[in-house]
Amino acid sequence: MITCHRSFLLSRCNERGYTLNEVMPCVVAQDGDEWTIDVDHPAYPRTPKPGFVPSQPEPEPPSHGPGTEVKALLAKVGITSSPDCKCNSRAIYMDKMEAEQPGWAEANIDEIVGWLRESAADRGLPFLDAAGRMLVRRAIANARRKESRRVEEQR
């Protein structure tokens, strides 16, 4: 027997694929949200429900790469993402693509510069393609340098 908050049993149900109604027979007493549970009762969710496949958490996007570096360089001059812009999702996409296909950012520099031009227009800021290319190249170089350091530190 254990006494715990009802959320403990709910959590156990979610982890193992049961509904609360299915396991209620193992609850022997309730005092508000404090429940006494017979963990030896056959209804207690001791093991995963047959056929239950737990959901896998979404993998974390990389927190480094050329997209992250573009954002950092722009932040140095006071340009930061706003809630309604595509900056964060594009930075994550750039980092992910570069991680999966090294050299992706360099091969797609025109597309990335286009994103920067679009964002500048949305904000009413002036934009020069040459400056955009320089920014993206600097971001790629910074990302590569940091990745190189990260690899060295792991050795």
C-alpha atoms as a PDB file:
ATOM      1  CA  MET A   1       0.000   0.000   0.000  1.00  0.00           C
ATOM      2  CA  ILE A   2       1.082   3.525  -0.726  1.00  0.00           C
ATOM      3  CA  THR A   3      -0.493   6.893  -0.020  1.00  0.00           C
ATOM      4  CA  CYS A   4       0.172   9.567  -2.612  1.00  0.00           C
ATOM      5  CA  HIS A   5      -1.336  12.438  -4.562  1.00  0.00           C
ATOM      6  CA  ARG A   6      -3.779  11.318  -7.269  1.00  0.00           C
ATOM      7  CA  SER A   7      -1.442  12.839  -9.869  1.00  0.00           C
ATOM      8  CA  PHE A   8       1.050  10.054  -9.069  1.00  0.00           C
ATOM      9  CA  LEU A   9      -1.430   7.427 -10.226  1.00  0.00           C
ATOM     10  CA  LEU A  10      -2.438   9.528 -13.250  1.00  0.00           C
ATOM     11  CA  SER A  11       1.209   9.850 -14.210  1.00  0.00           C
ATOM     12  CA  ARG A  12       1.742   6.093 -13.862  1.00  0.00           C
ATOM     13  CA  CYS A  13      -1.331   5.487 -16.059  1.00  0.00           C
ATOM     14  CA  ASN A  14      -0.034   7.824 -18.767  1.00  0.00           C
ATOM     15  CA  GLU A  15       3.423   6.241 -18.705  1.00  0.00           C
ATOM     16  CA  ARG A  16       1.989   2.774 -19.172  1.00  0.00           C
ATOM     17  CA  GLY A  17      -1.074   3.262 -21.404  1.00  0.00           C
ATOM     18  CA  TYR A  18      -3.954   2.878 -18.950  1.00  0.00           C
ATOM     19  CA  THR A  19      -6.942   5.099 -18.228  1.00  0.00           C
ATOM     20  CA  LEU A  20      -7.747   6.106 -14.674  1.00  0.00           C
ATOM     21  CA  ASN A  21     -11.036   4.153 -14.862  1.00  0.00           C
ATOM     22  CA  GLU A  22      -9.120   0.956 -15.679  1.00  0.00           C
ATOM     23  CA  VAL A  23      -6.946   1.203 -12.560  1.00  0.00           C
ATOM     24  CA  MET A  24      -9.488   2.591 -10.055  1.00  0.00           C
ATOM     25  CA  PRO A  25     -10.028  -0.851  -8.468  1.00  0.00           C
ATOM     26  CA  CYS A  26      -6.518  -0.569  -6.952  1.00  0.00           C
ATOM     27  CA  VAL A  27      -7.519   2.660  -5.115  1.00  0.00           C
ATOM     28  CA  VAL A  28      -8.613   1.597  -1.624  1.00  0.00           C
ATOM     29  CA  ALA A  29      -9.200   5.037  -0.055  1.00  0.00           C
ATOM     30  CA  GLN A  30      -9.464   8.669  -1.128  1.00  0.00           C
ATOM     31  CA  ASP A  31      -9.035  11.735   1.066  1.00  0.00           C
ATOM     32  CA  GLY A  32      -9.368  14.582  -1.398  1.00  0.00           C
ATOM     33  CA  ASP A  33      -6.378  14.259  -3.706  1.00  0.00           C
ATOM     34  CA  GLU A  34      -4.504  11.974  -1.287  1.00  0.00           C
ATOM     35  CA  TRP A  35      -5.189   8.409  -2.348  1.00  0.00           C
ATOM     36  CA  THR A  36      -4.234   5.083  -0.808  1.00  0.00           C
ATOM     37  CA  ILE A  37      -3.319   2.598  -3.505  1.00  0.00           C
ATOM     38  CA  ASP A  38      -2.855  -1.152  -3.319  1.00  0.00           C
ATOM     39  CA  VAL A  39       0.187  -1.633  -5.550  1.00  0.00           C
ATOM     40  CA  ASP A  40      -0.246  -5.423  -5.328  1.00  0.00           C
ATOM     41  CA  HIS A  41      -3.787  -5.261  -6.768  1.00  0.00           C
ATOM     42  CA  PRO A  42      -4.070  -6.722 -10.299  1.00  0.00           C
ATOM     43  CA  ALA A  43      -5.503  -3.408 -11.569  1.00  0.00           C
ATOM     44  CA  TYR A  44      -2.399  -1.411 -10.549  1.00  0.00           C
ATOM     45  CA  PRO A  45      -0.481  -0.382 -13.718  1.00  0.00           C
ATOM     46  CA  ARG A  46       2.711  -2.222 -12.800  1.00  0.00           C
ATOM     47  CA  THR A  47       3.743  -2.882 -16.402  1.00  0.00           C
ATOM     48  CA  PRO A  48       2.826  -1.271 -19.731  1.00  0.00           C
ATOM     49  CA  LYS A  49      -0.550  -2.225 -21.147  1.00  0.00           C
ATOM     50  CA  PRO A  50      -0.163  -4.908 -23.858  1.00  0.00           C
ATOM     51  CA  GLY A  51       0.304  -3.209 -27.222  1.00  0.00           C
ATOM     52  CA  PHE A  52       1.006   0.195 -25.668  1.00  0.00           C
ATOM     53  CA  VAL A  53       3.770   2.120 -27.415  1.00  0.00           C
ATOM     54  CA  PRO A  54       4.884   5.165 -25.422  1.00  0.00           C
ATOM     55  CA  SER A  55       5.177   8.374 -27.398  1.00  0.00           C
ATOM     56  CA  GLN A  56       8.713   9.437 -28.094  1.00  0.00           C
ATOM     57  CA  PRO A  57       9.625  13.016 -27.275  1.00  0.00           C
ATOM     58  CA  GLU A  58      10.469  15.252 -30.217  1.00  0.00           C
ATOM     59  CA  PRO A  59      14.220  15.417 -30.623  1.00  0.00           C
ATOM     60  CA  GLU A  60      15.693  18.731 -29.579  1.00  0.00           C
ATOM     61  CA  PRO A  61      16.728  20.834 -32.524  1.00  0.00           C
ATOM     62  CA  PRO A  62      20.420  21.685 -32.590  1.00  0.00           C
ATOM     63  CA  SER A  63      21.221  24.740 -30.473  1.00  0.00           C
ATOM     64  CA  HIS A  64      24.178  25.661 -32.633  1.00  0.00           C
ATOM     65  CA  GLY A  65      24.875  26.197 -36.261  1.00  0.00           C
ATOM     66  CA  PRO A  66      24.656  28.906 -38.894  1.00  0.00           C
ATOM     67  CA  GLY A  67      21.052  29.808 -38.047  1.00  0.00           C
ATOM     68  CA  THR A  68      21.942  30.379 -34.409  1.00  0.00           C
ATOM     69  CA  GLU A  69      24.961  32.395 -35.510  1.00  0.00           C
ATOM     70  CA  VAL A  70      22.921  34.592 -37.897  1.00  0.00           C
ATOM     71  CA  LYS A  71      20.586  35.410 -34.997  1.00  0.00           C
ATOM     72  CA  ALA A  72      23.551  36.196 -32.728  1.00  0.00           C
ATOM     73  CA  LEU A  73      25.155  38.514 -35.294  1.00  0.00           C
ATOM     74  CA  LEU A  74      21.877  40.346 -35.912  1.00  0.00           C
ATOM     75  CA  ALA A  75      21.288  40.674 -32.152  1.00  0.00           C
ATOM     76  CA  LYS A  76      24.634  42.487 -31.866  1.00  0.00           C
ATOM     77  CA  VAL A  77      23.166  45.297 -33.964  1.00  0.00           C
ATOM     78  CA  GLY A  78      19.842  45.257 -32.142  1.00  0.00           C
ATOM     79  CA  ILE A  79      17.818  43.118 -34.552  1.00  0.00           C
ATOM     80  CA  THR A  80      16.023  40.377 -32.637  1.00  0.00           C
ATOM     81  CA  SER A  81      13.195  38.005 -33.466  1.00  0.00           C
ATOM     82  CA  SER A  82       9.641  39.083 -32.784  1.00  0.00           C
ATOM     83  CA  PRO A  83       6.723  36.769 -31.977  1.00  0.00           C
ATOM     84  CA  ASP A  84       5.231  37.113 -35.470  1.00  0.00           C
ATOM     85  CA  CYS A  85       8.397  36.674 -37.552  1.00  0.00           C
ATOM     86  CA  LYS A  86       9.801  33.490 -39.058  1.00  0.00           C
ATOM     87  CA  CYS A  87      13.288  34.091 -37.624  1.00  0.00           C
ATOM     88  CA  ASN A  88      13.324  31.380 -34.971  1.00  0.00           C
ATOM     89  CA  SER A  89      11.874  28.655 -37.177  1.00  0.00           C
ATOM     90  CA  ARG A  90      14.258  29.543 -40.002  1.00  0.00           C
ATOM     91  CA  ALA A  91      17.264  29.553 -37.664  1.00  0.00           C
ATOM     92  CA  ILE A  92      16.262  26.123 -36.328  1.00  0.00           C
ATOM     93  CA  TYR A  93      15.768  24.889 -39.890  1.00  0.00           C
ATOM     94  CA  MET A  94      19.199  26.183 -40.948  1.00  0.00           C
ATOM     95  CA  ASP A  95      20.884  24.537 -37.947  1.00  0.00           C
ATOM     96  CA  LYS A  96      19.071  21.259 -38.562  1.00  0.00           C
ATOM     97  CA  MET A  97      19.852  21.179 -42.283  1.00  0.00           C
ATOM     98  CA  GLU A  98      23.516  22.034 -41.684  1.00  0.00           C
ATOM     99  CA  ALA A  99      23.738  19.269 -39.055  1.00  0.00           C
ATOM    100  CA  GLU A 100      22.189  16.738 -41.456  1.00  0.00           C
ATOM    101  CA  GLN A 101      24.000  17.962 -44.590  1.00  0.00           C
ATOM    102  CA  PRO A 102      27.245  19.789 -43.821  1.00  0.00           C
ATOM    103  CA  GLY A 103      27.664  22.609 -46.320  1.00  0.00           C
ATOM    104  CA  TRP A 104      23.907  23.118 -46.716  1.00  0.00           C
ATOM    105  CA  ALA A 105      23.984  26.767 -45.641  1.00  0.00           C
ATOM    106  CA  GLU A 106      26.751  27.631 -48.078  1.00  0.00           C
ATOM    107  CA  ALA A 107      24.965  25.840 -50.913  1.00  0.00           C
ATOM    108  CA  ASN A 108      21.721  27.663 -50.097  1.00  0.00           C
ATOM    109  CA  ILE A 109      23.104  31.112 -49.361  1.00  0.00           C
ATOM    110  CA  ASP A 110      20.823  32.772 -51.949  1.00  0.00           C
ATOM    111  CA  GLU A 111      17.738  31.343 -50.258  1.00  0.00           C
ATOM    112  CA  ILE A 112      18.960  32.463 -46.822  1.00  0.00           C
ATOM    113  CA  VAL A 113      19.751  35.961 -48.106  1.00  0.00           C
ATOM    114  CA  GLY A 114      16.228  36.014 -49.555  1.00  0.00           C
ATOM    115  CA  TRP A 115      14.830  35.267 -46.100  1.00  0.00           C
ATOM    116  CA  LEU A 116      16.872  38.122 -44.650  1.00  0.00           C
ATOM    117  CA  ARG A 117      15.676  40.477 -47.413  1.00  0.00           C
ATOM    118  CA  GLU A 118      12.053  39.459 -46.743  1.00  0.00           C
ATOM    119  CA  SER A 119      12.426  40.005 -42.988  1.00  0.00           C
ATOM    120  CA  ALA A 120      14.065  43.394 -43.542  1.00  0.00           C
ATOM    121  CA  ALA A 121      11.185  44.444 -45.808  1.00  0.00           C
ATOM    122  CA  ASP A 122       8.635  43.278 -43.206  1.00  0.00           C
ATOM    123  CA  ARG A 123      10.381  45.468 -40.622  1.00  0.00           C
ATOM    124  CA  GLY A 124      10.865  48.421 -42.950  1.00  0.00           C
ATOM    125  CA  LEU A 125      14.661  48.126 -42.774  1.00  0.00           C
ATOM    126  CA  PRO A 126      17.081  48.795 -45.627  1.00  0.00           C
ATOM    127  CA  PHE A 127      18.792  45.721 -47.063  1.00  0.00           C
ATOM    128  CA  LEU A 128      21.742  45.074 -49.331  1.00  0.00           C
ATOM    129  CA  ASP A 129      22.234  41.576 -50.733  1.00  0.00           C
ATOM    130  CA  ALA A 130      26.020  41.957 -50.458  1.00  0.00           C
ATOM    131  CA  ALA A 131      25.717  42.720 -46.740  1.00  0.00           C
ATOM    132  CA  GLY A 132      23.344  39.772 -46.324  1.00  0.00           C
ATOM    133  CA  ARG A 133      25.841  37.437 -48.003  1.00  0.00           C
ATOM    134  CA  MET A 134      28.652  38.728 -45.798  1.00  0.00           C
ATOM    135  CA  LEU A 135      26.502  38.177 -42.701  1.00  0.00           C
ATOM    136  CA  VAL A 136      25.605  34.620 -43.702  1.00  0.00           C
ATOM    137  CA  ARG A 137      29.230  33.773 -44.586  1.00  0.00           C
ATOM    138  CA  ARG A 138      30.394  35.141 -41.215  1.00  0.00           C
ATOM    139  CA  ALA A 139      27.676  33.070 -39.470  1.00  0.00           C
ATOM    140  CA  ILE A 140      28.788  29.924 -41.310  1.00  0.00           C
ATOM    141  CA  ALA A 141      32.435  30.575 -40.360  1.00  0.00           C
ATOM    142  CA  ASN A 142      31.485  31.191 -36.716  1.00  0.00           C
ATOM    143  CA  ALA A 143      29.399  28.011 -36.621  1.00  0.00           C
ATOM    144  CA  ARG A 144      32.224  25.936 -38.119  1.00  0.00           C
ATOM    145  CA  ARG A 145      34.756  27.377 -35.683  1.00  0.00           C
ATOM    146  CA  LYS A 146      32.492  26.632 -32.714  1.00  0.00           C
ATOM    147  CA  GLU A 147      31.753  23.127 -34.004  1.00  0.00           C
ATOM    148  CA  SER A 148      35.468  22.492 -34.386  1.00  0.00           C
ATOM    149  CA  ARG A 149      36.038  23.582 -30.772  1.00  0.00           C
ATOM    150  CA  ARG A 150      33.149  21.402 -29.590  1.00  0.00           C
ATOM    151  CA  VAL A 151      34.630  18.363 -31.341  1.00  0.00           C
ATOM    152  CA  GLU A 152      38.082  19.082 -29.860  1.00  0.00           C
ATOM    153  CA  GLU A 153      36.619  19.366 -26.344  1.00  0.00           C
ATOM    154  CA  GLN A 154      34.896  15.999 -26.706  1.00  0.00           C
ATOM    155  CA  ARG A 155      38.192  14.243 -27.464  1.00  0.00           C
END
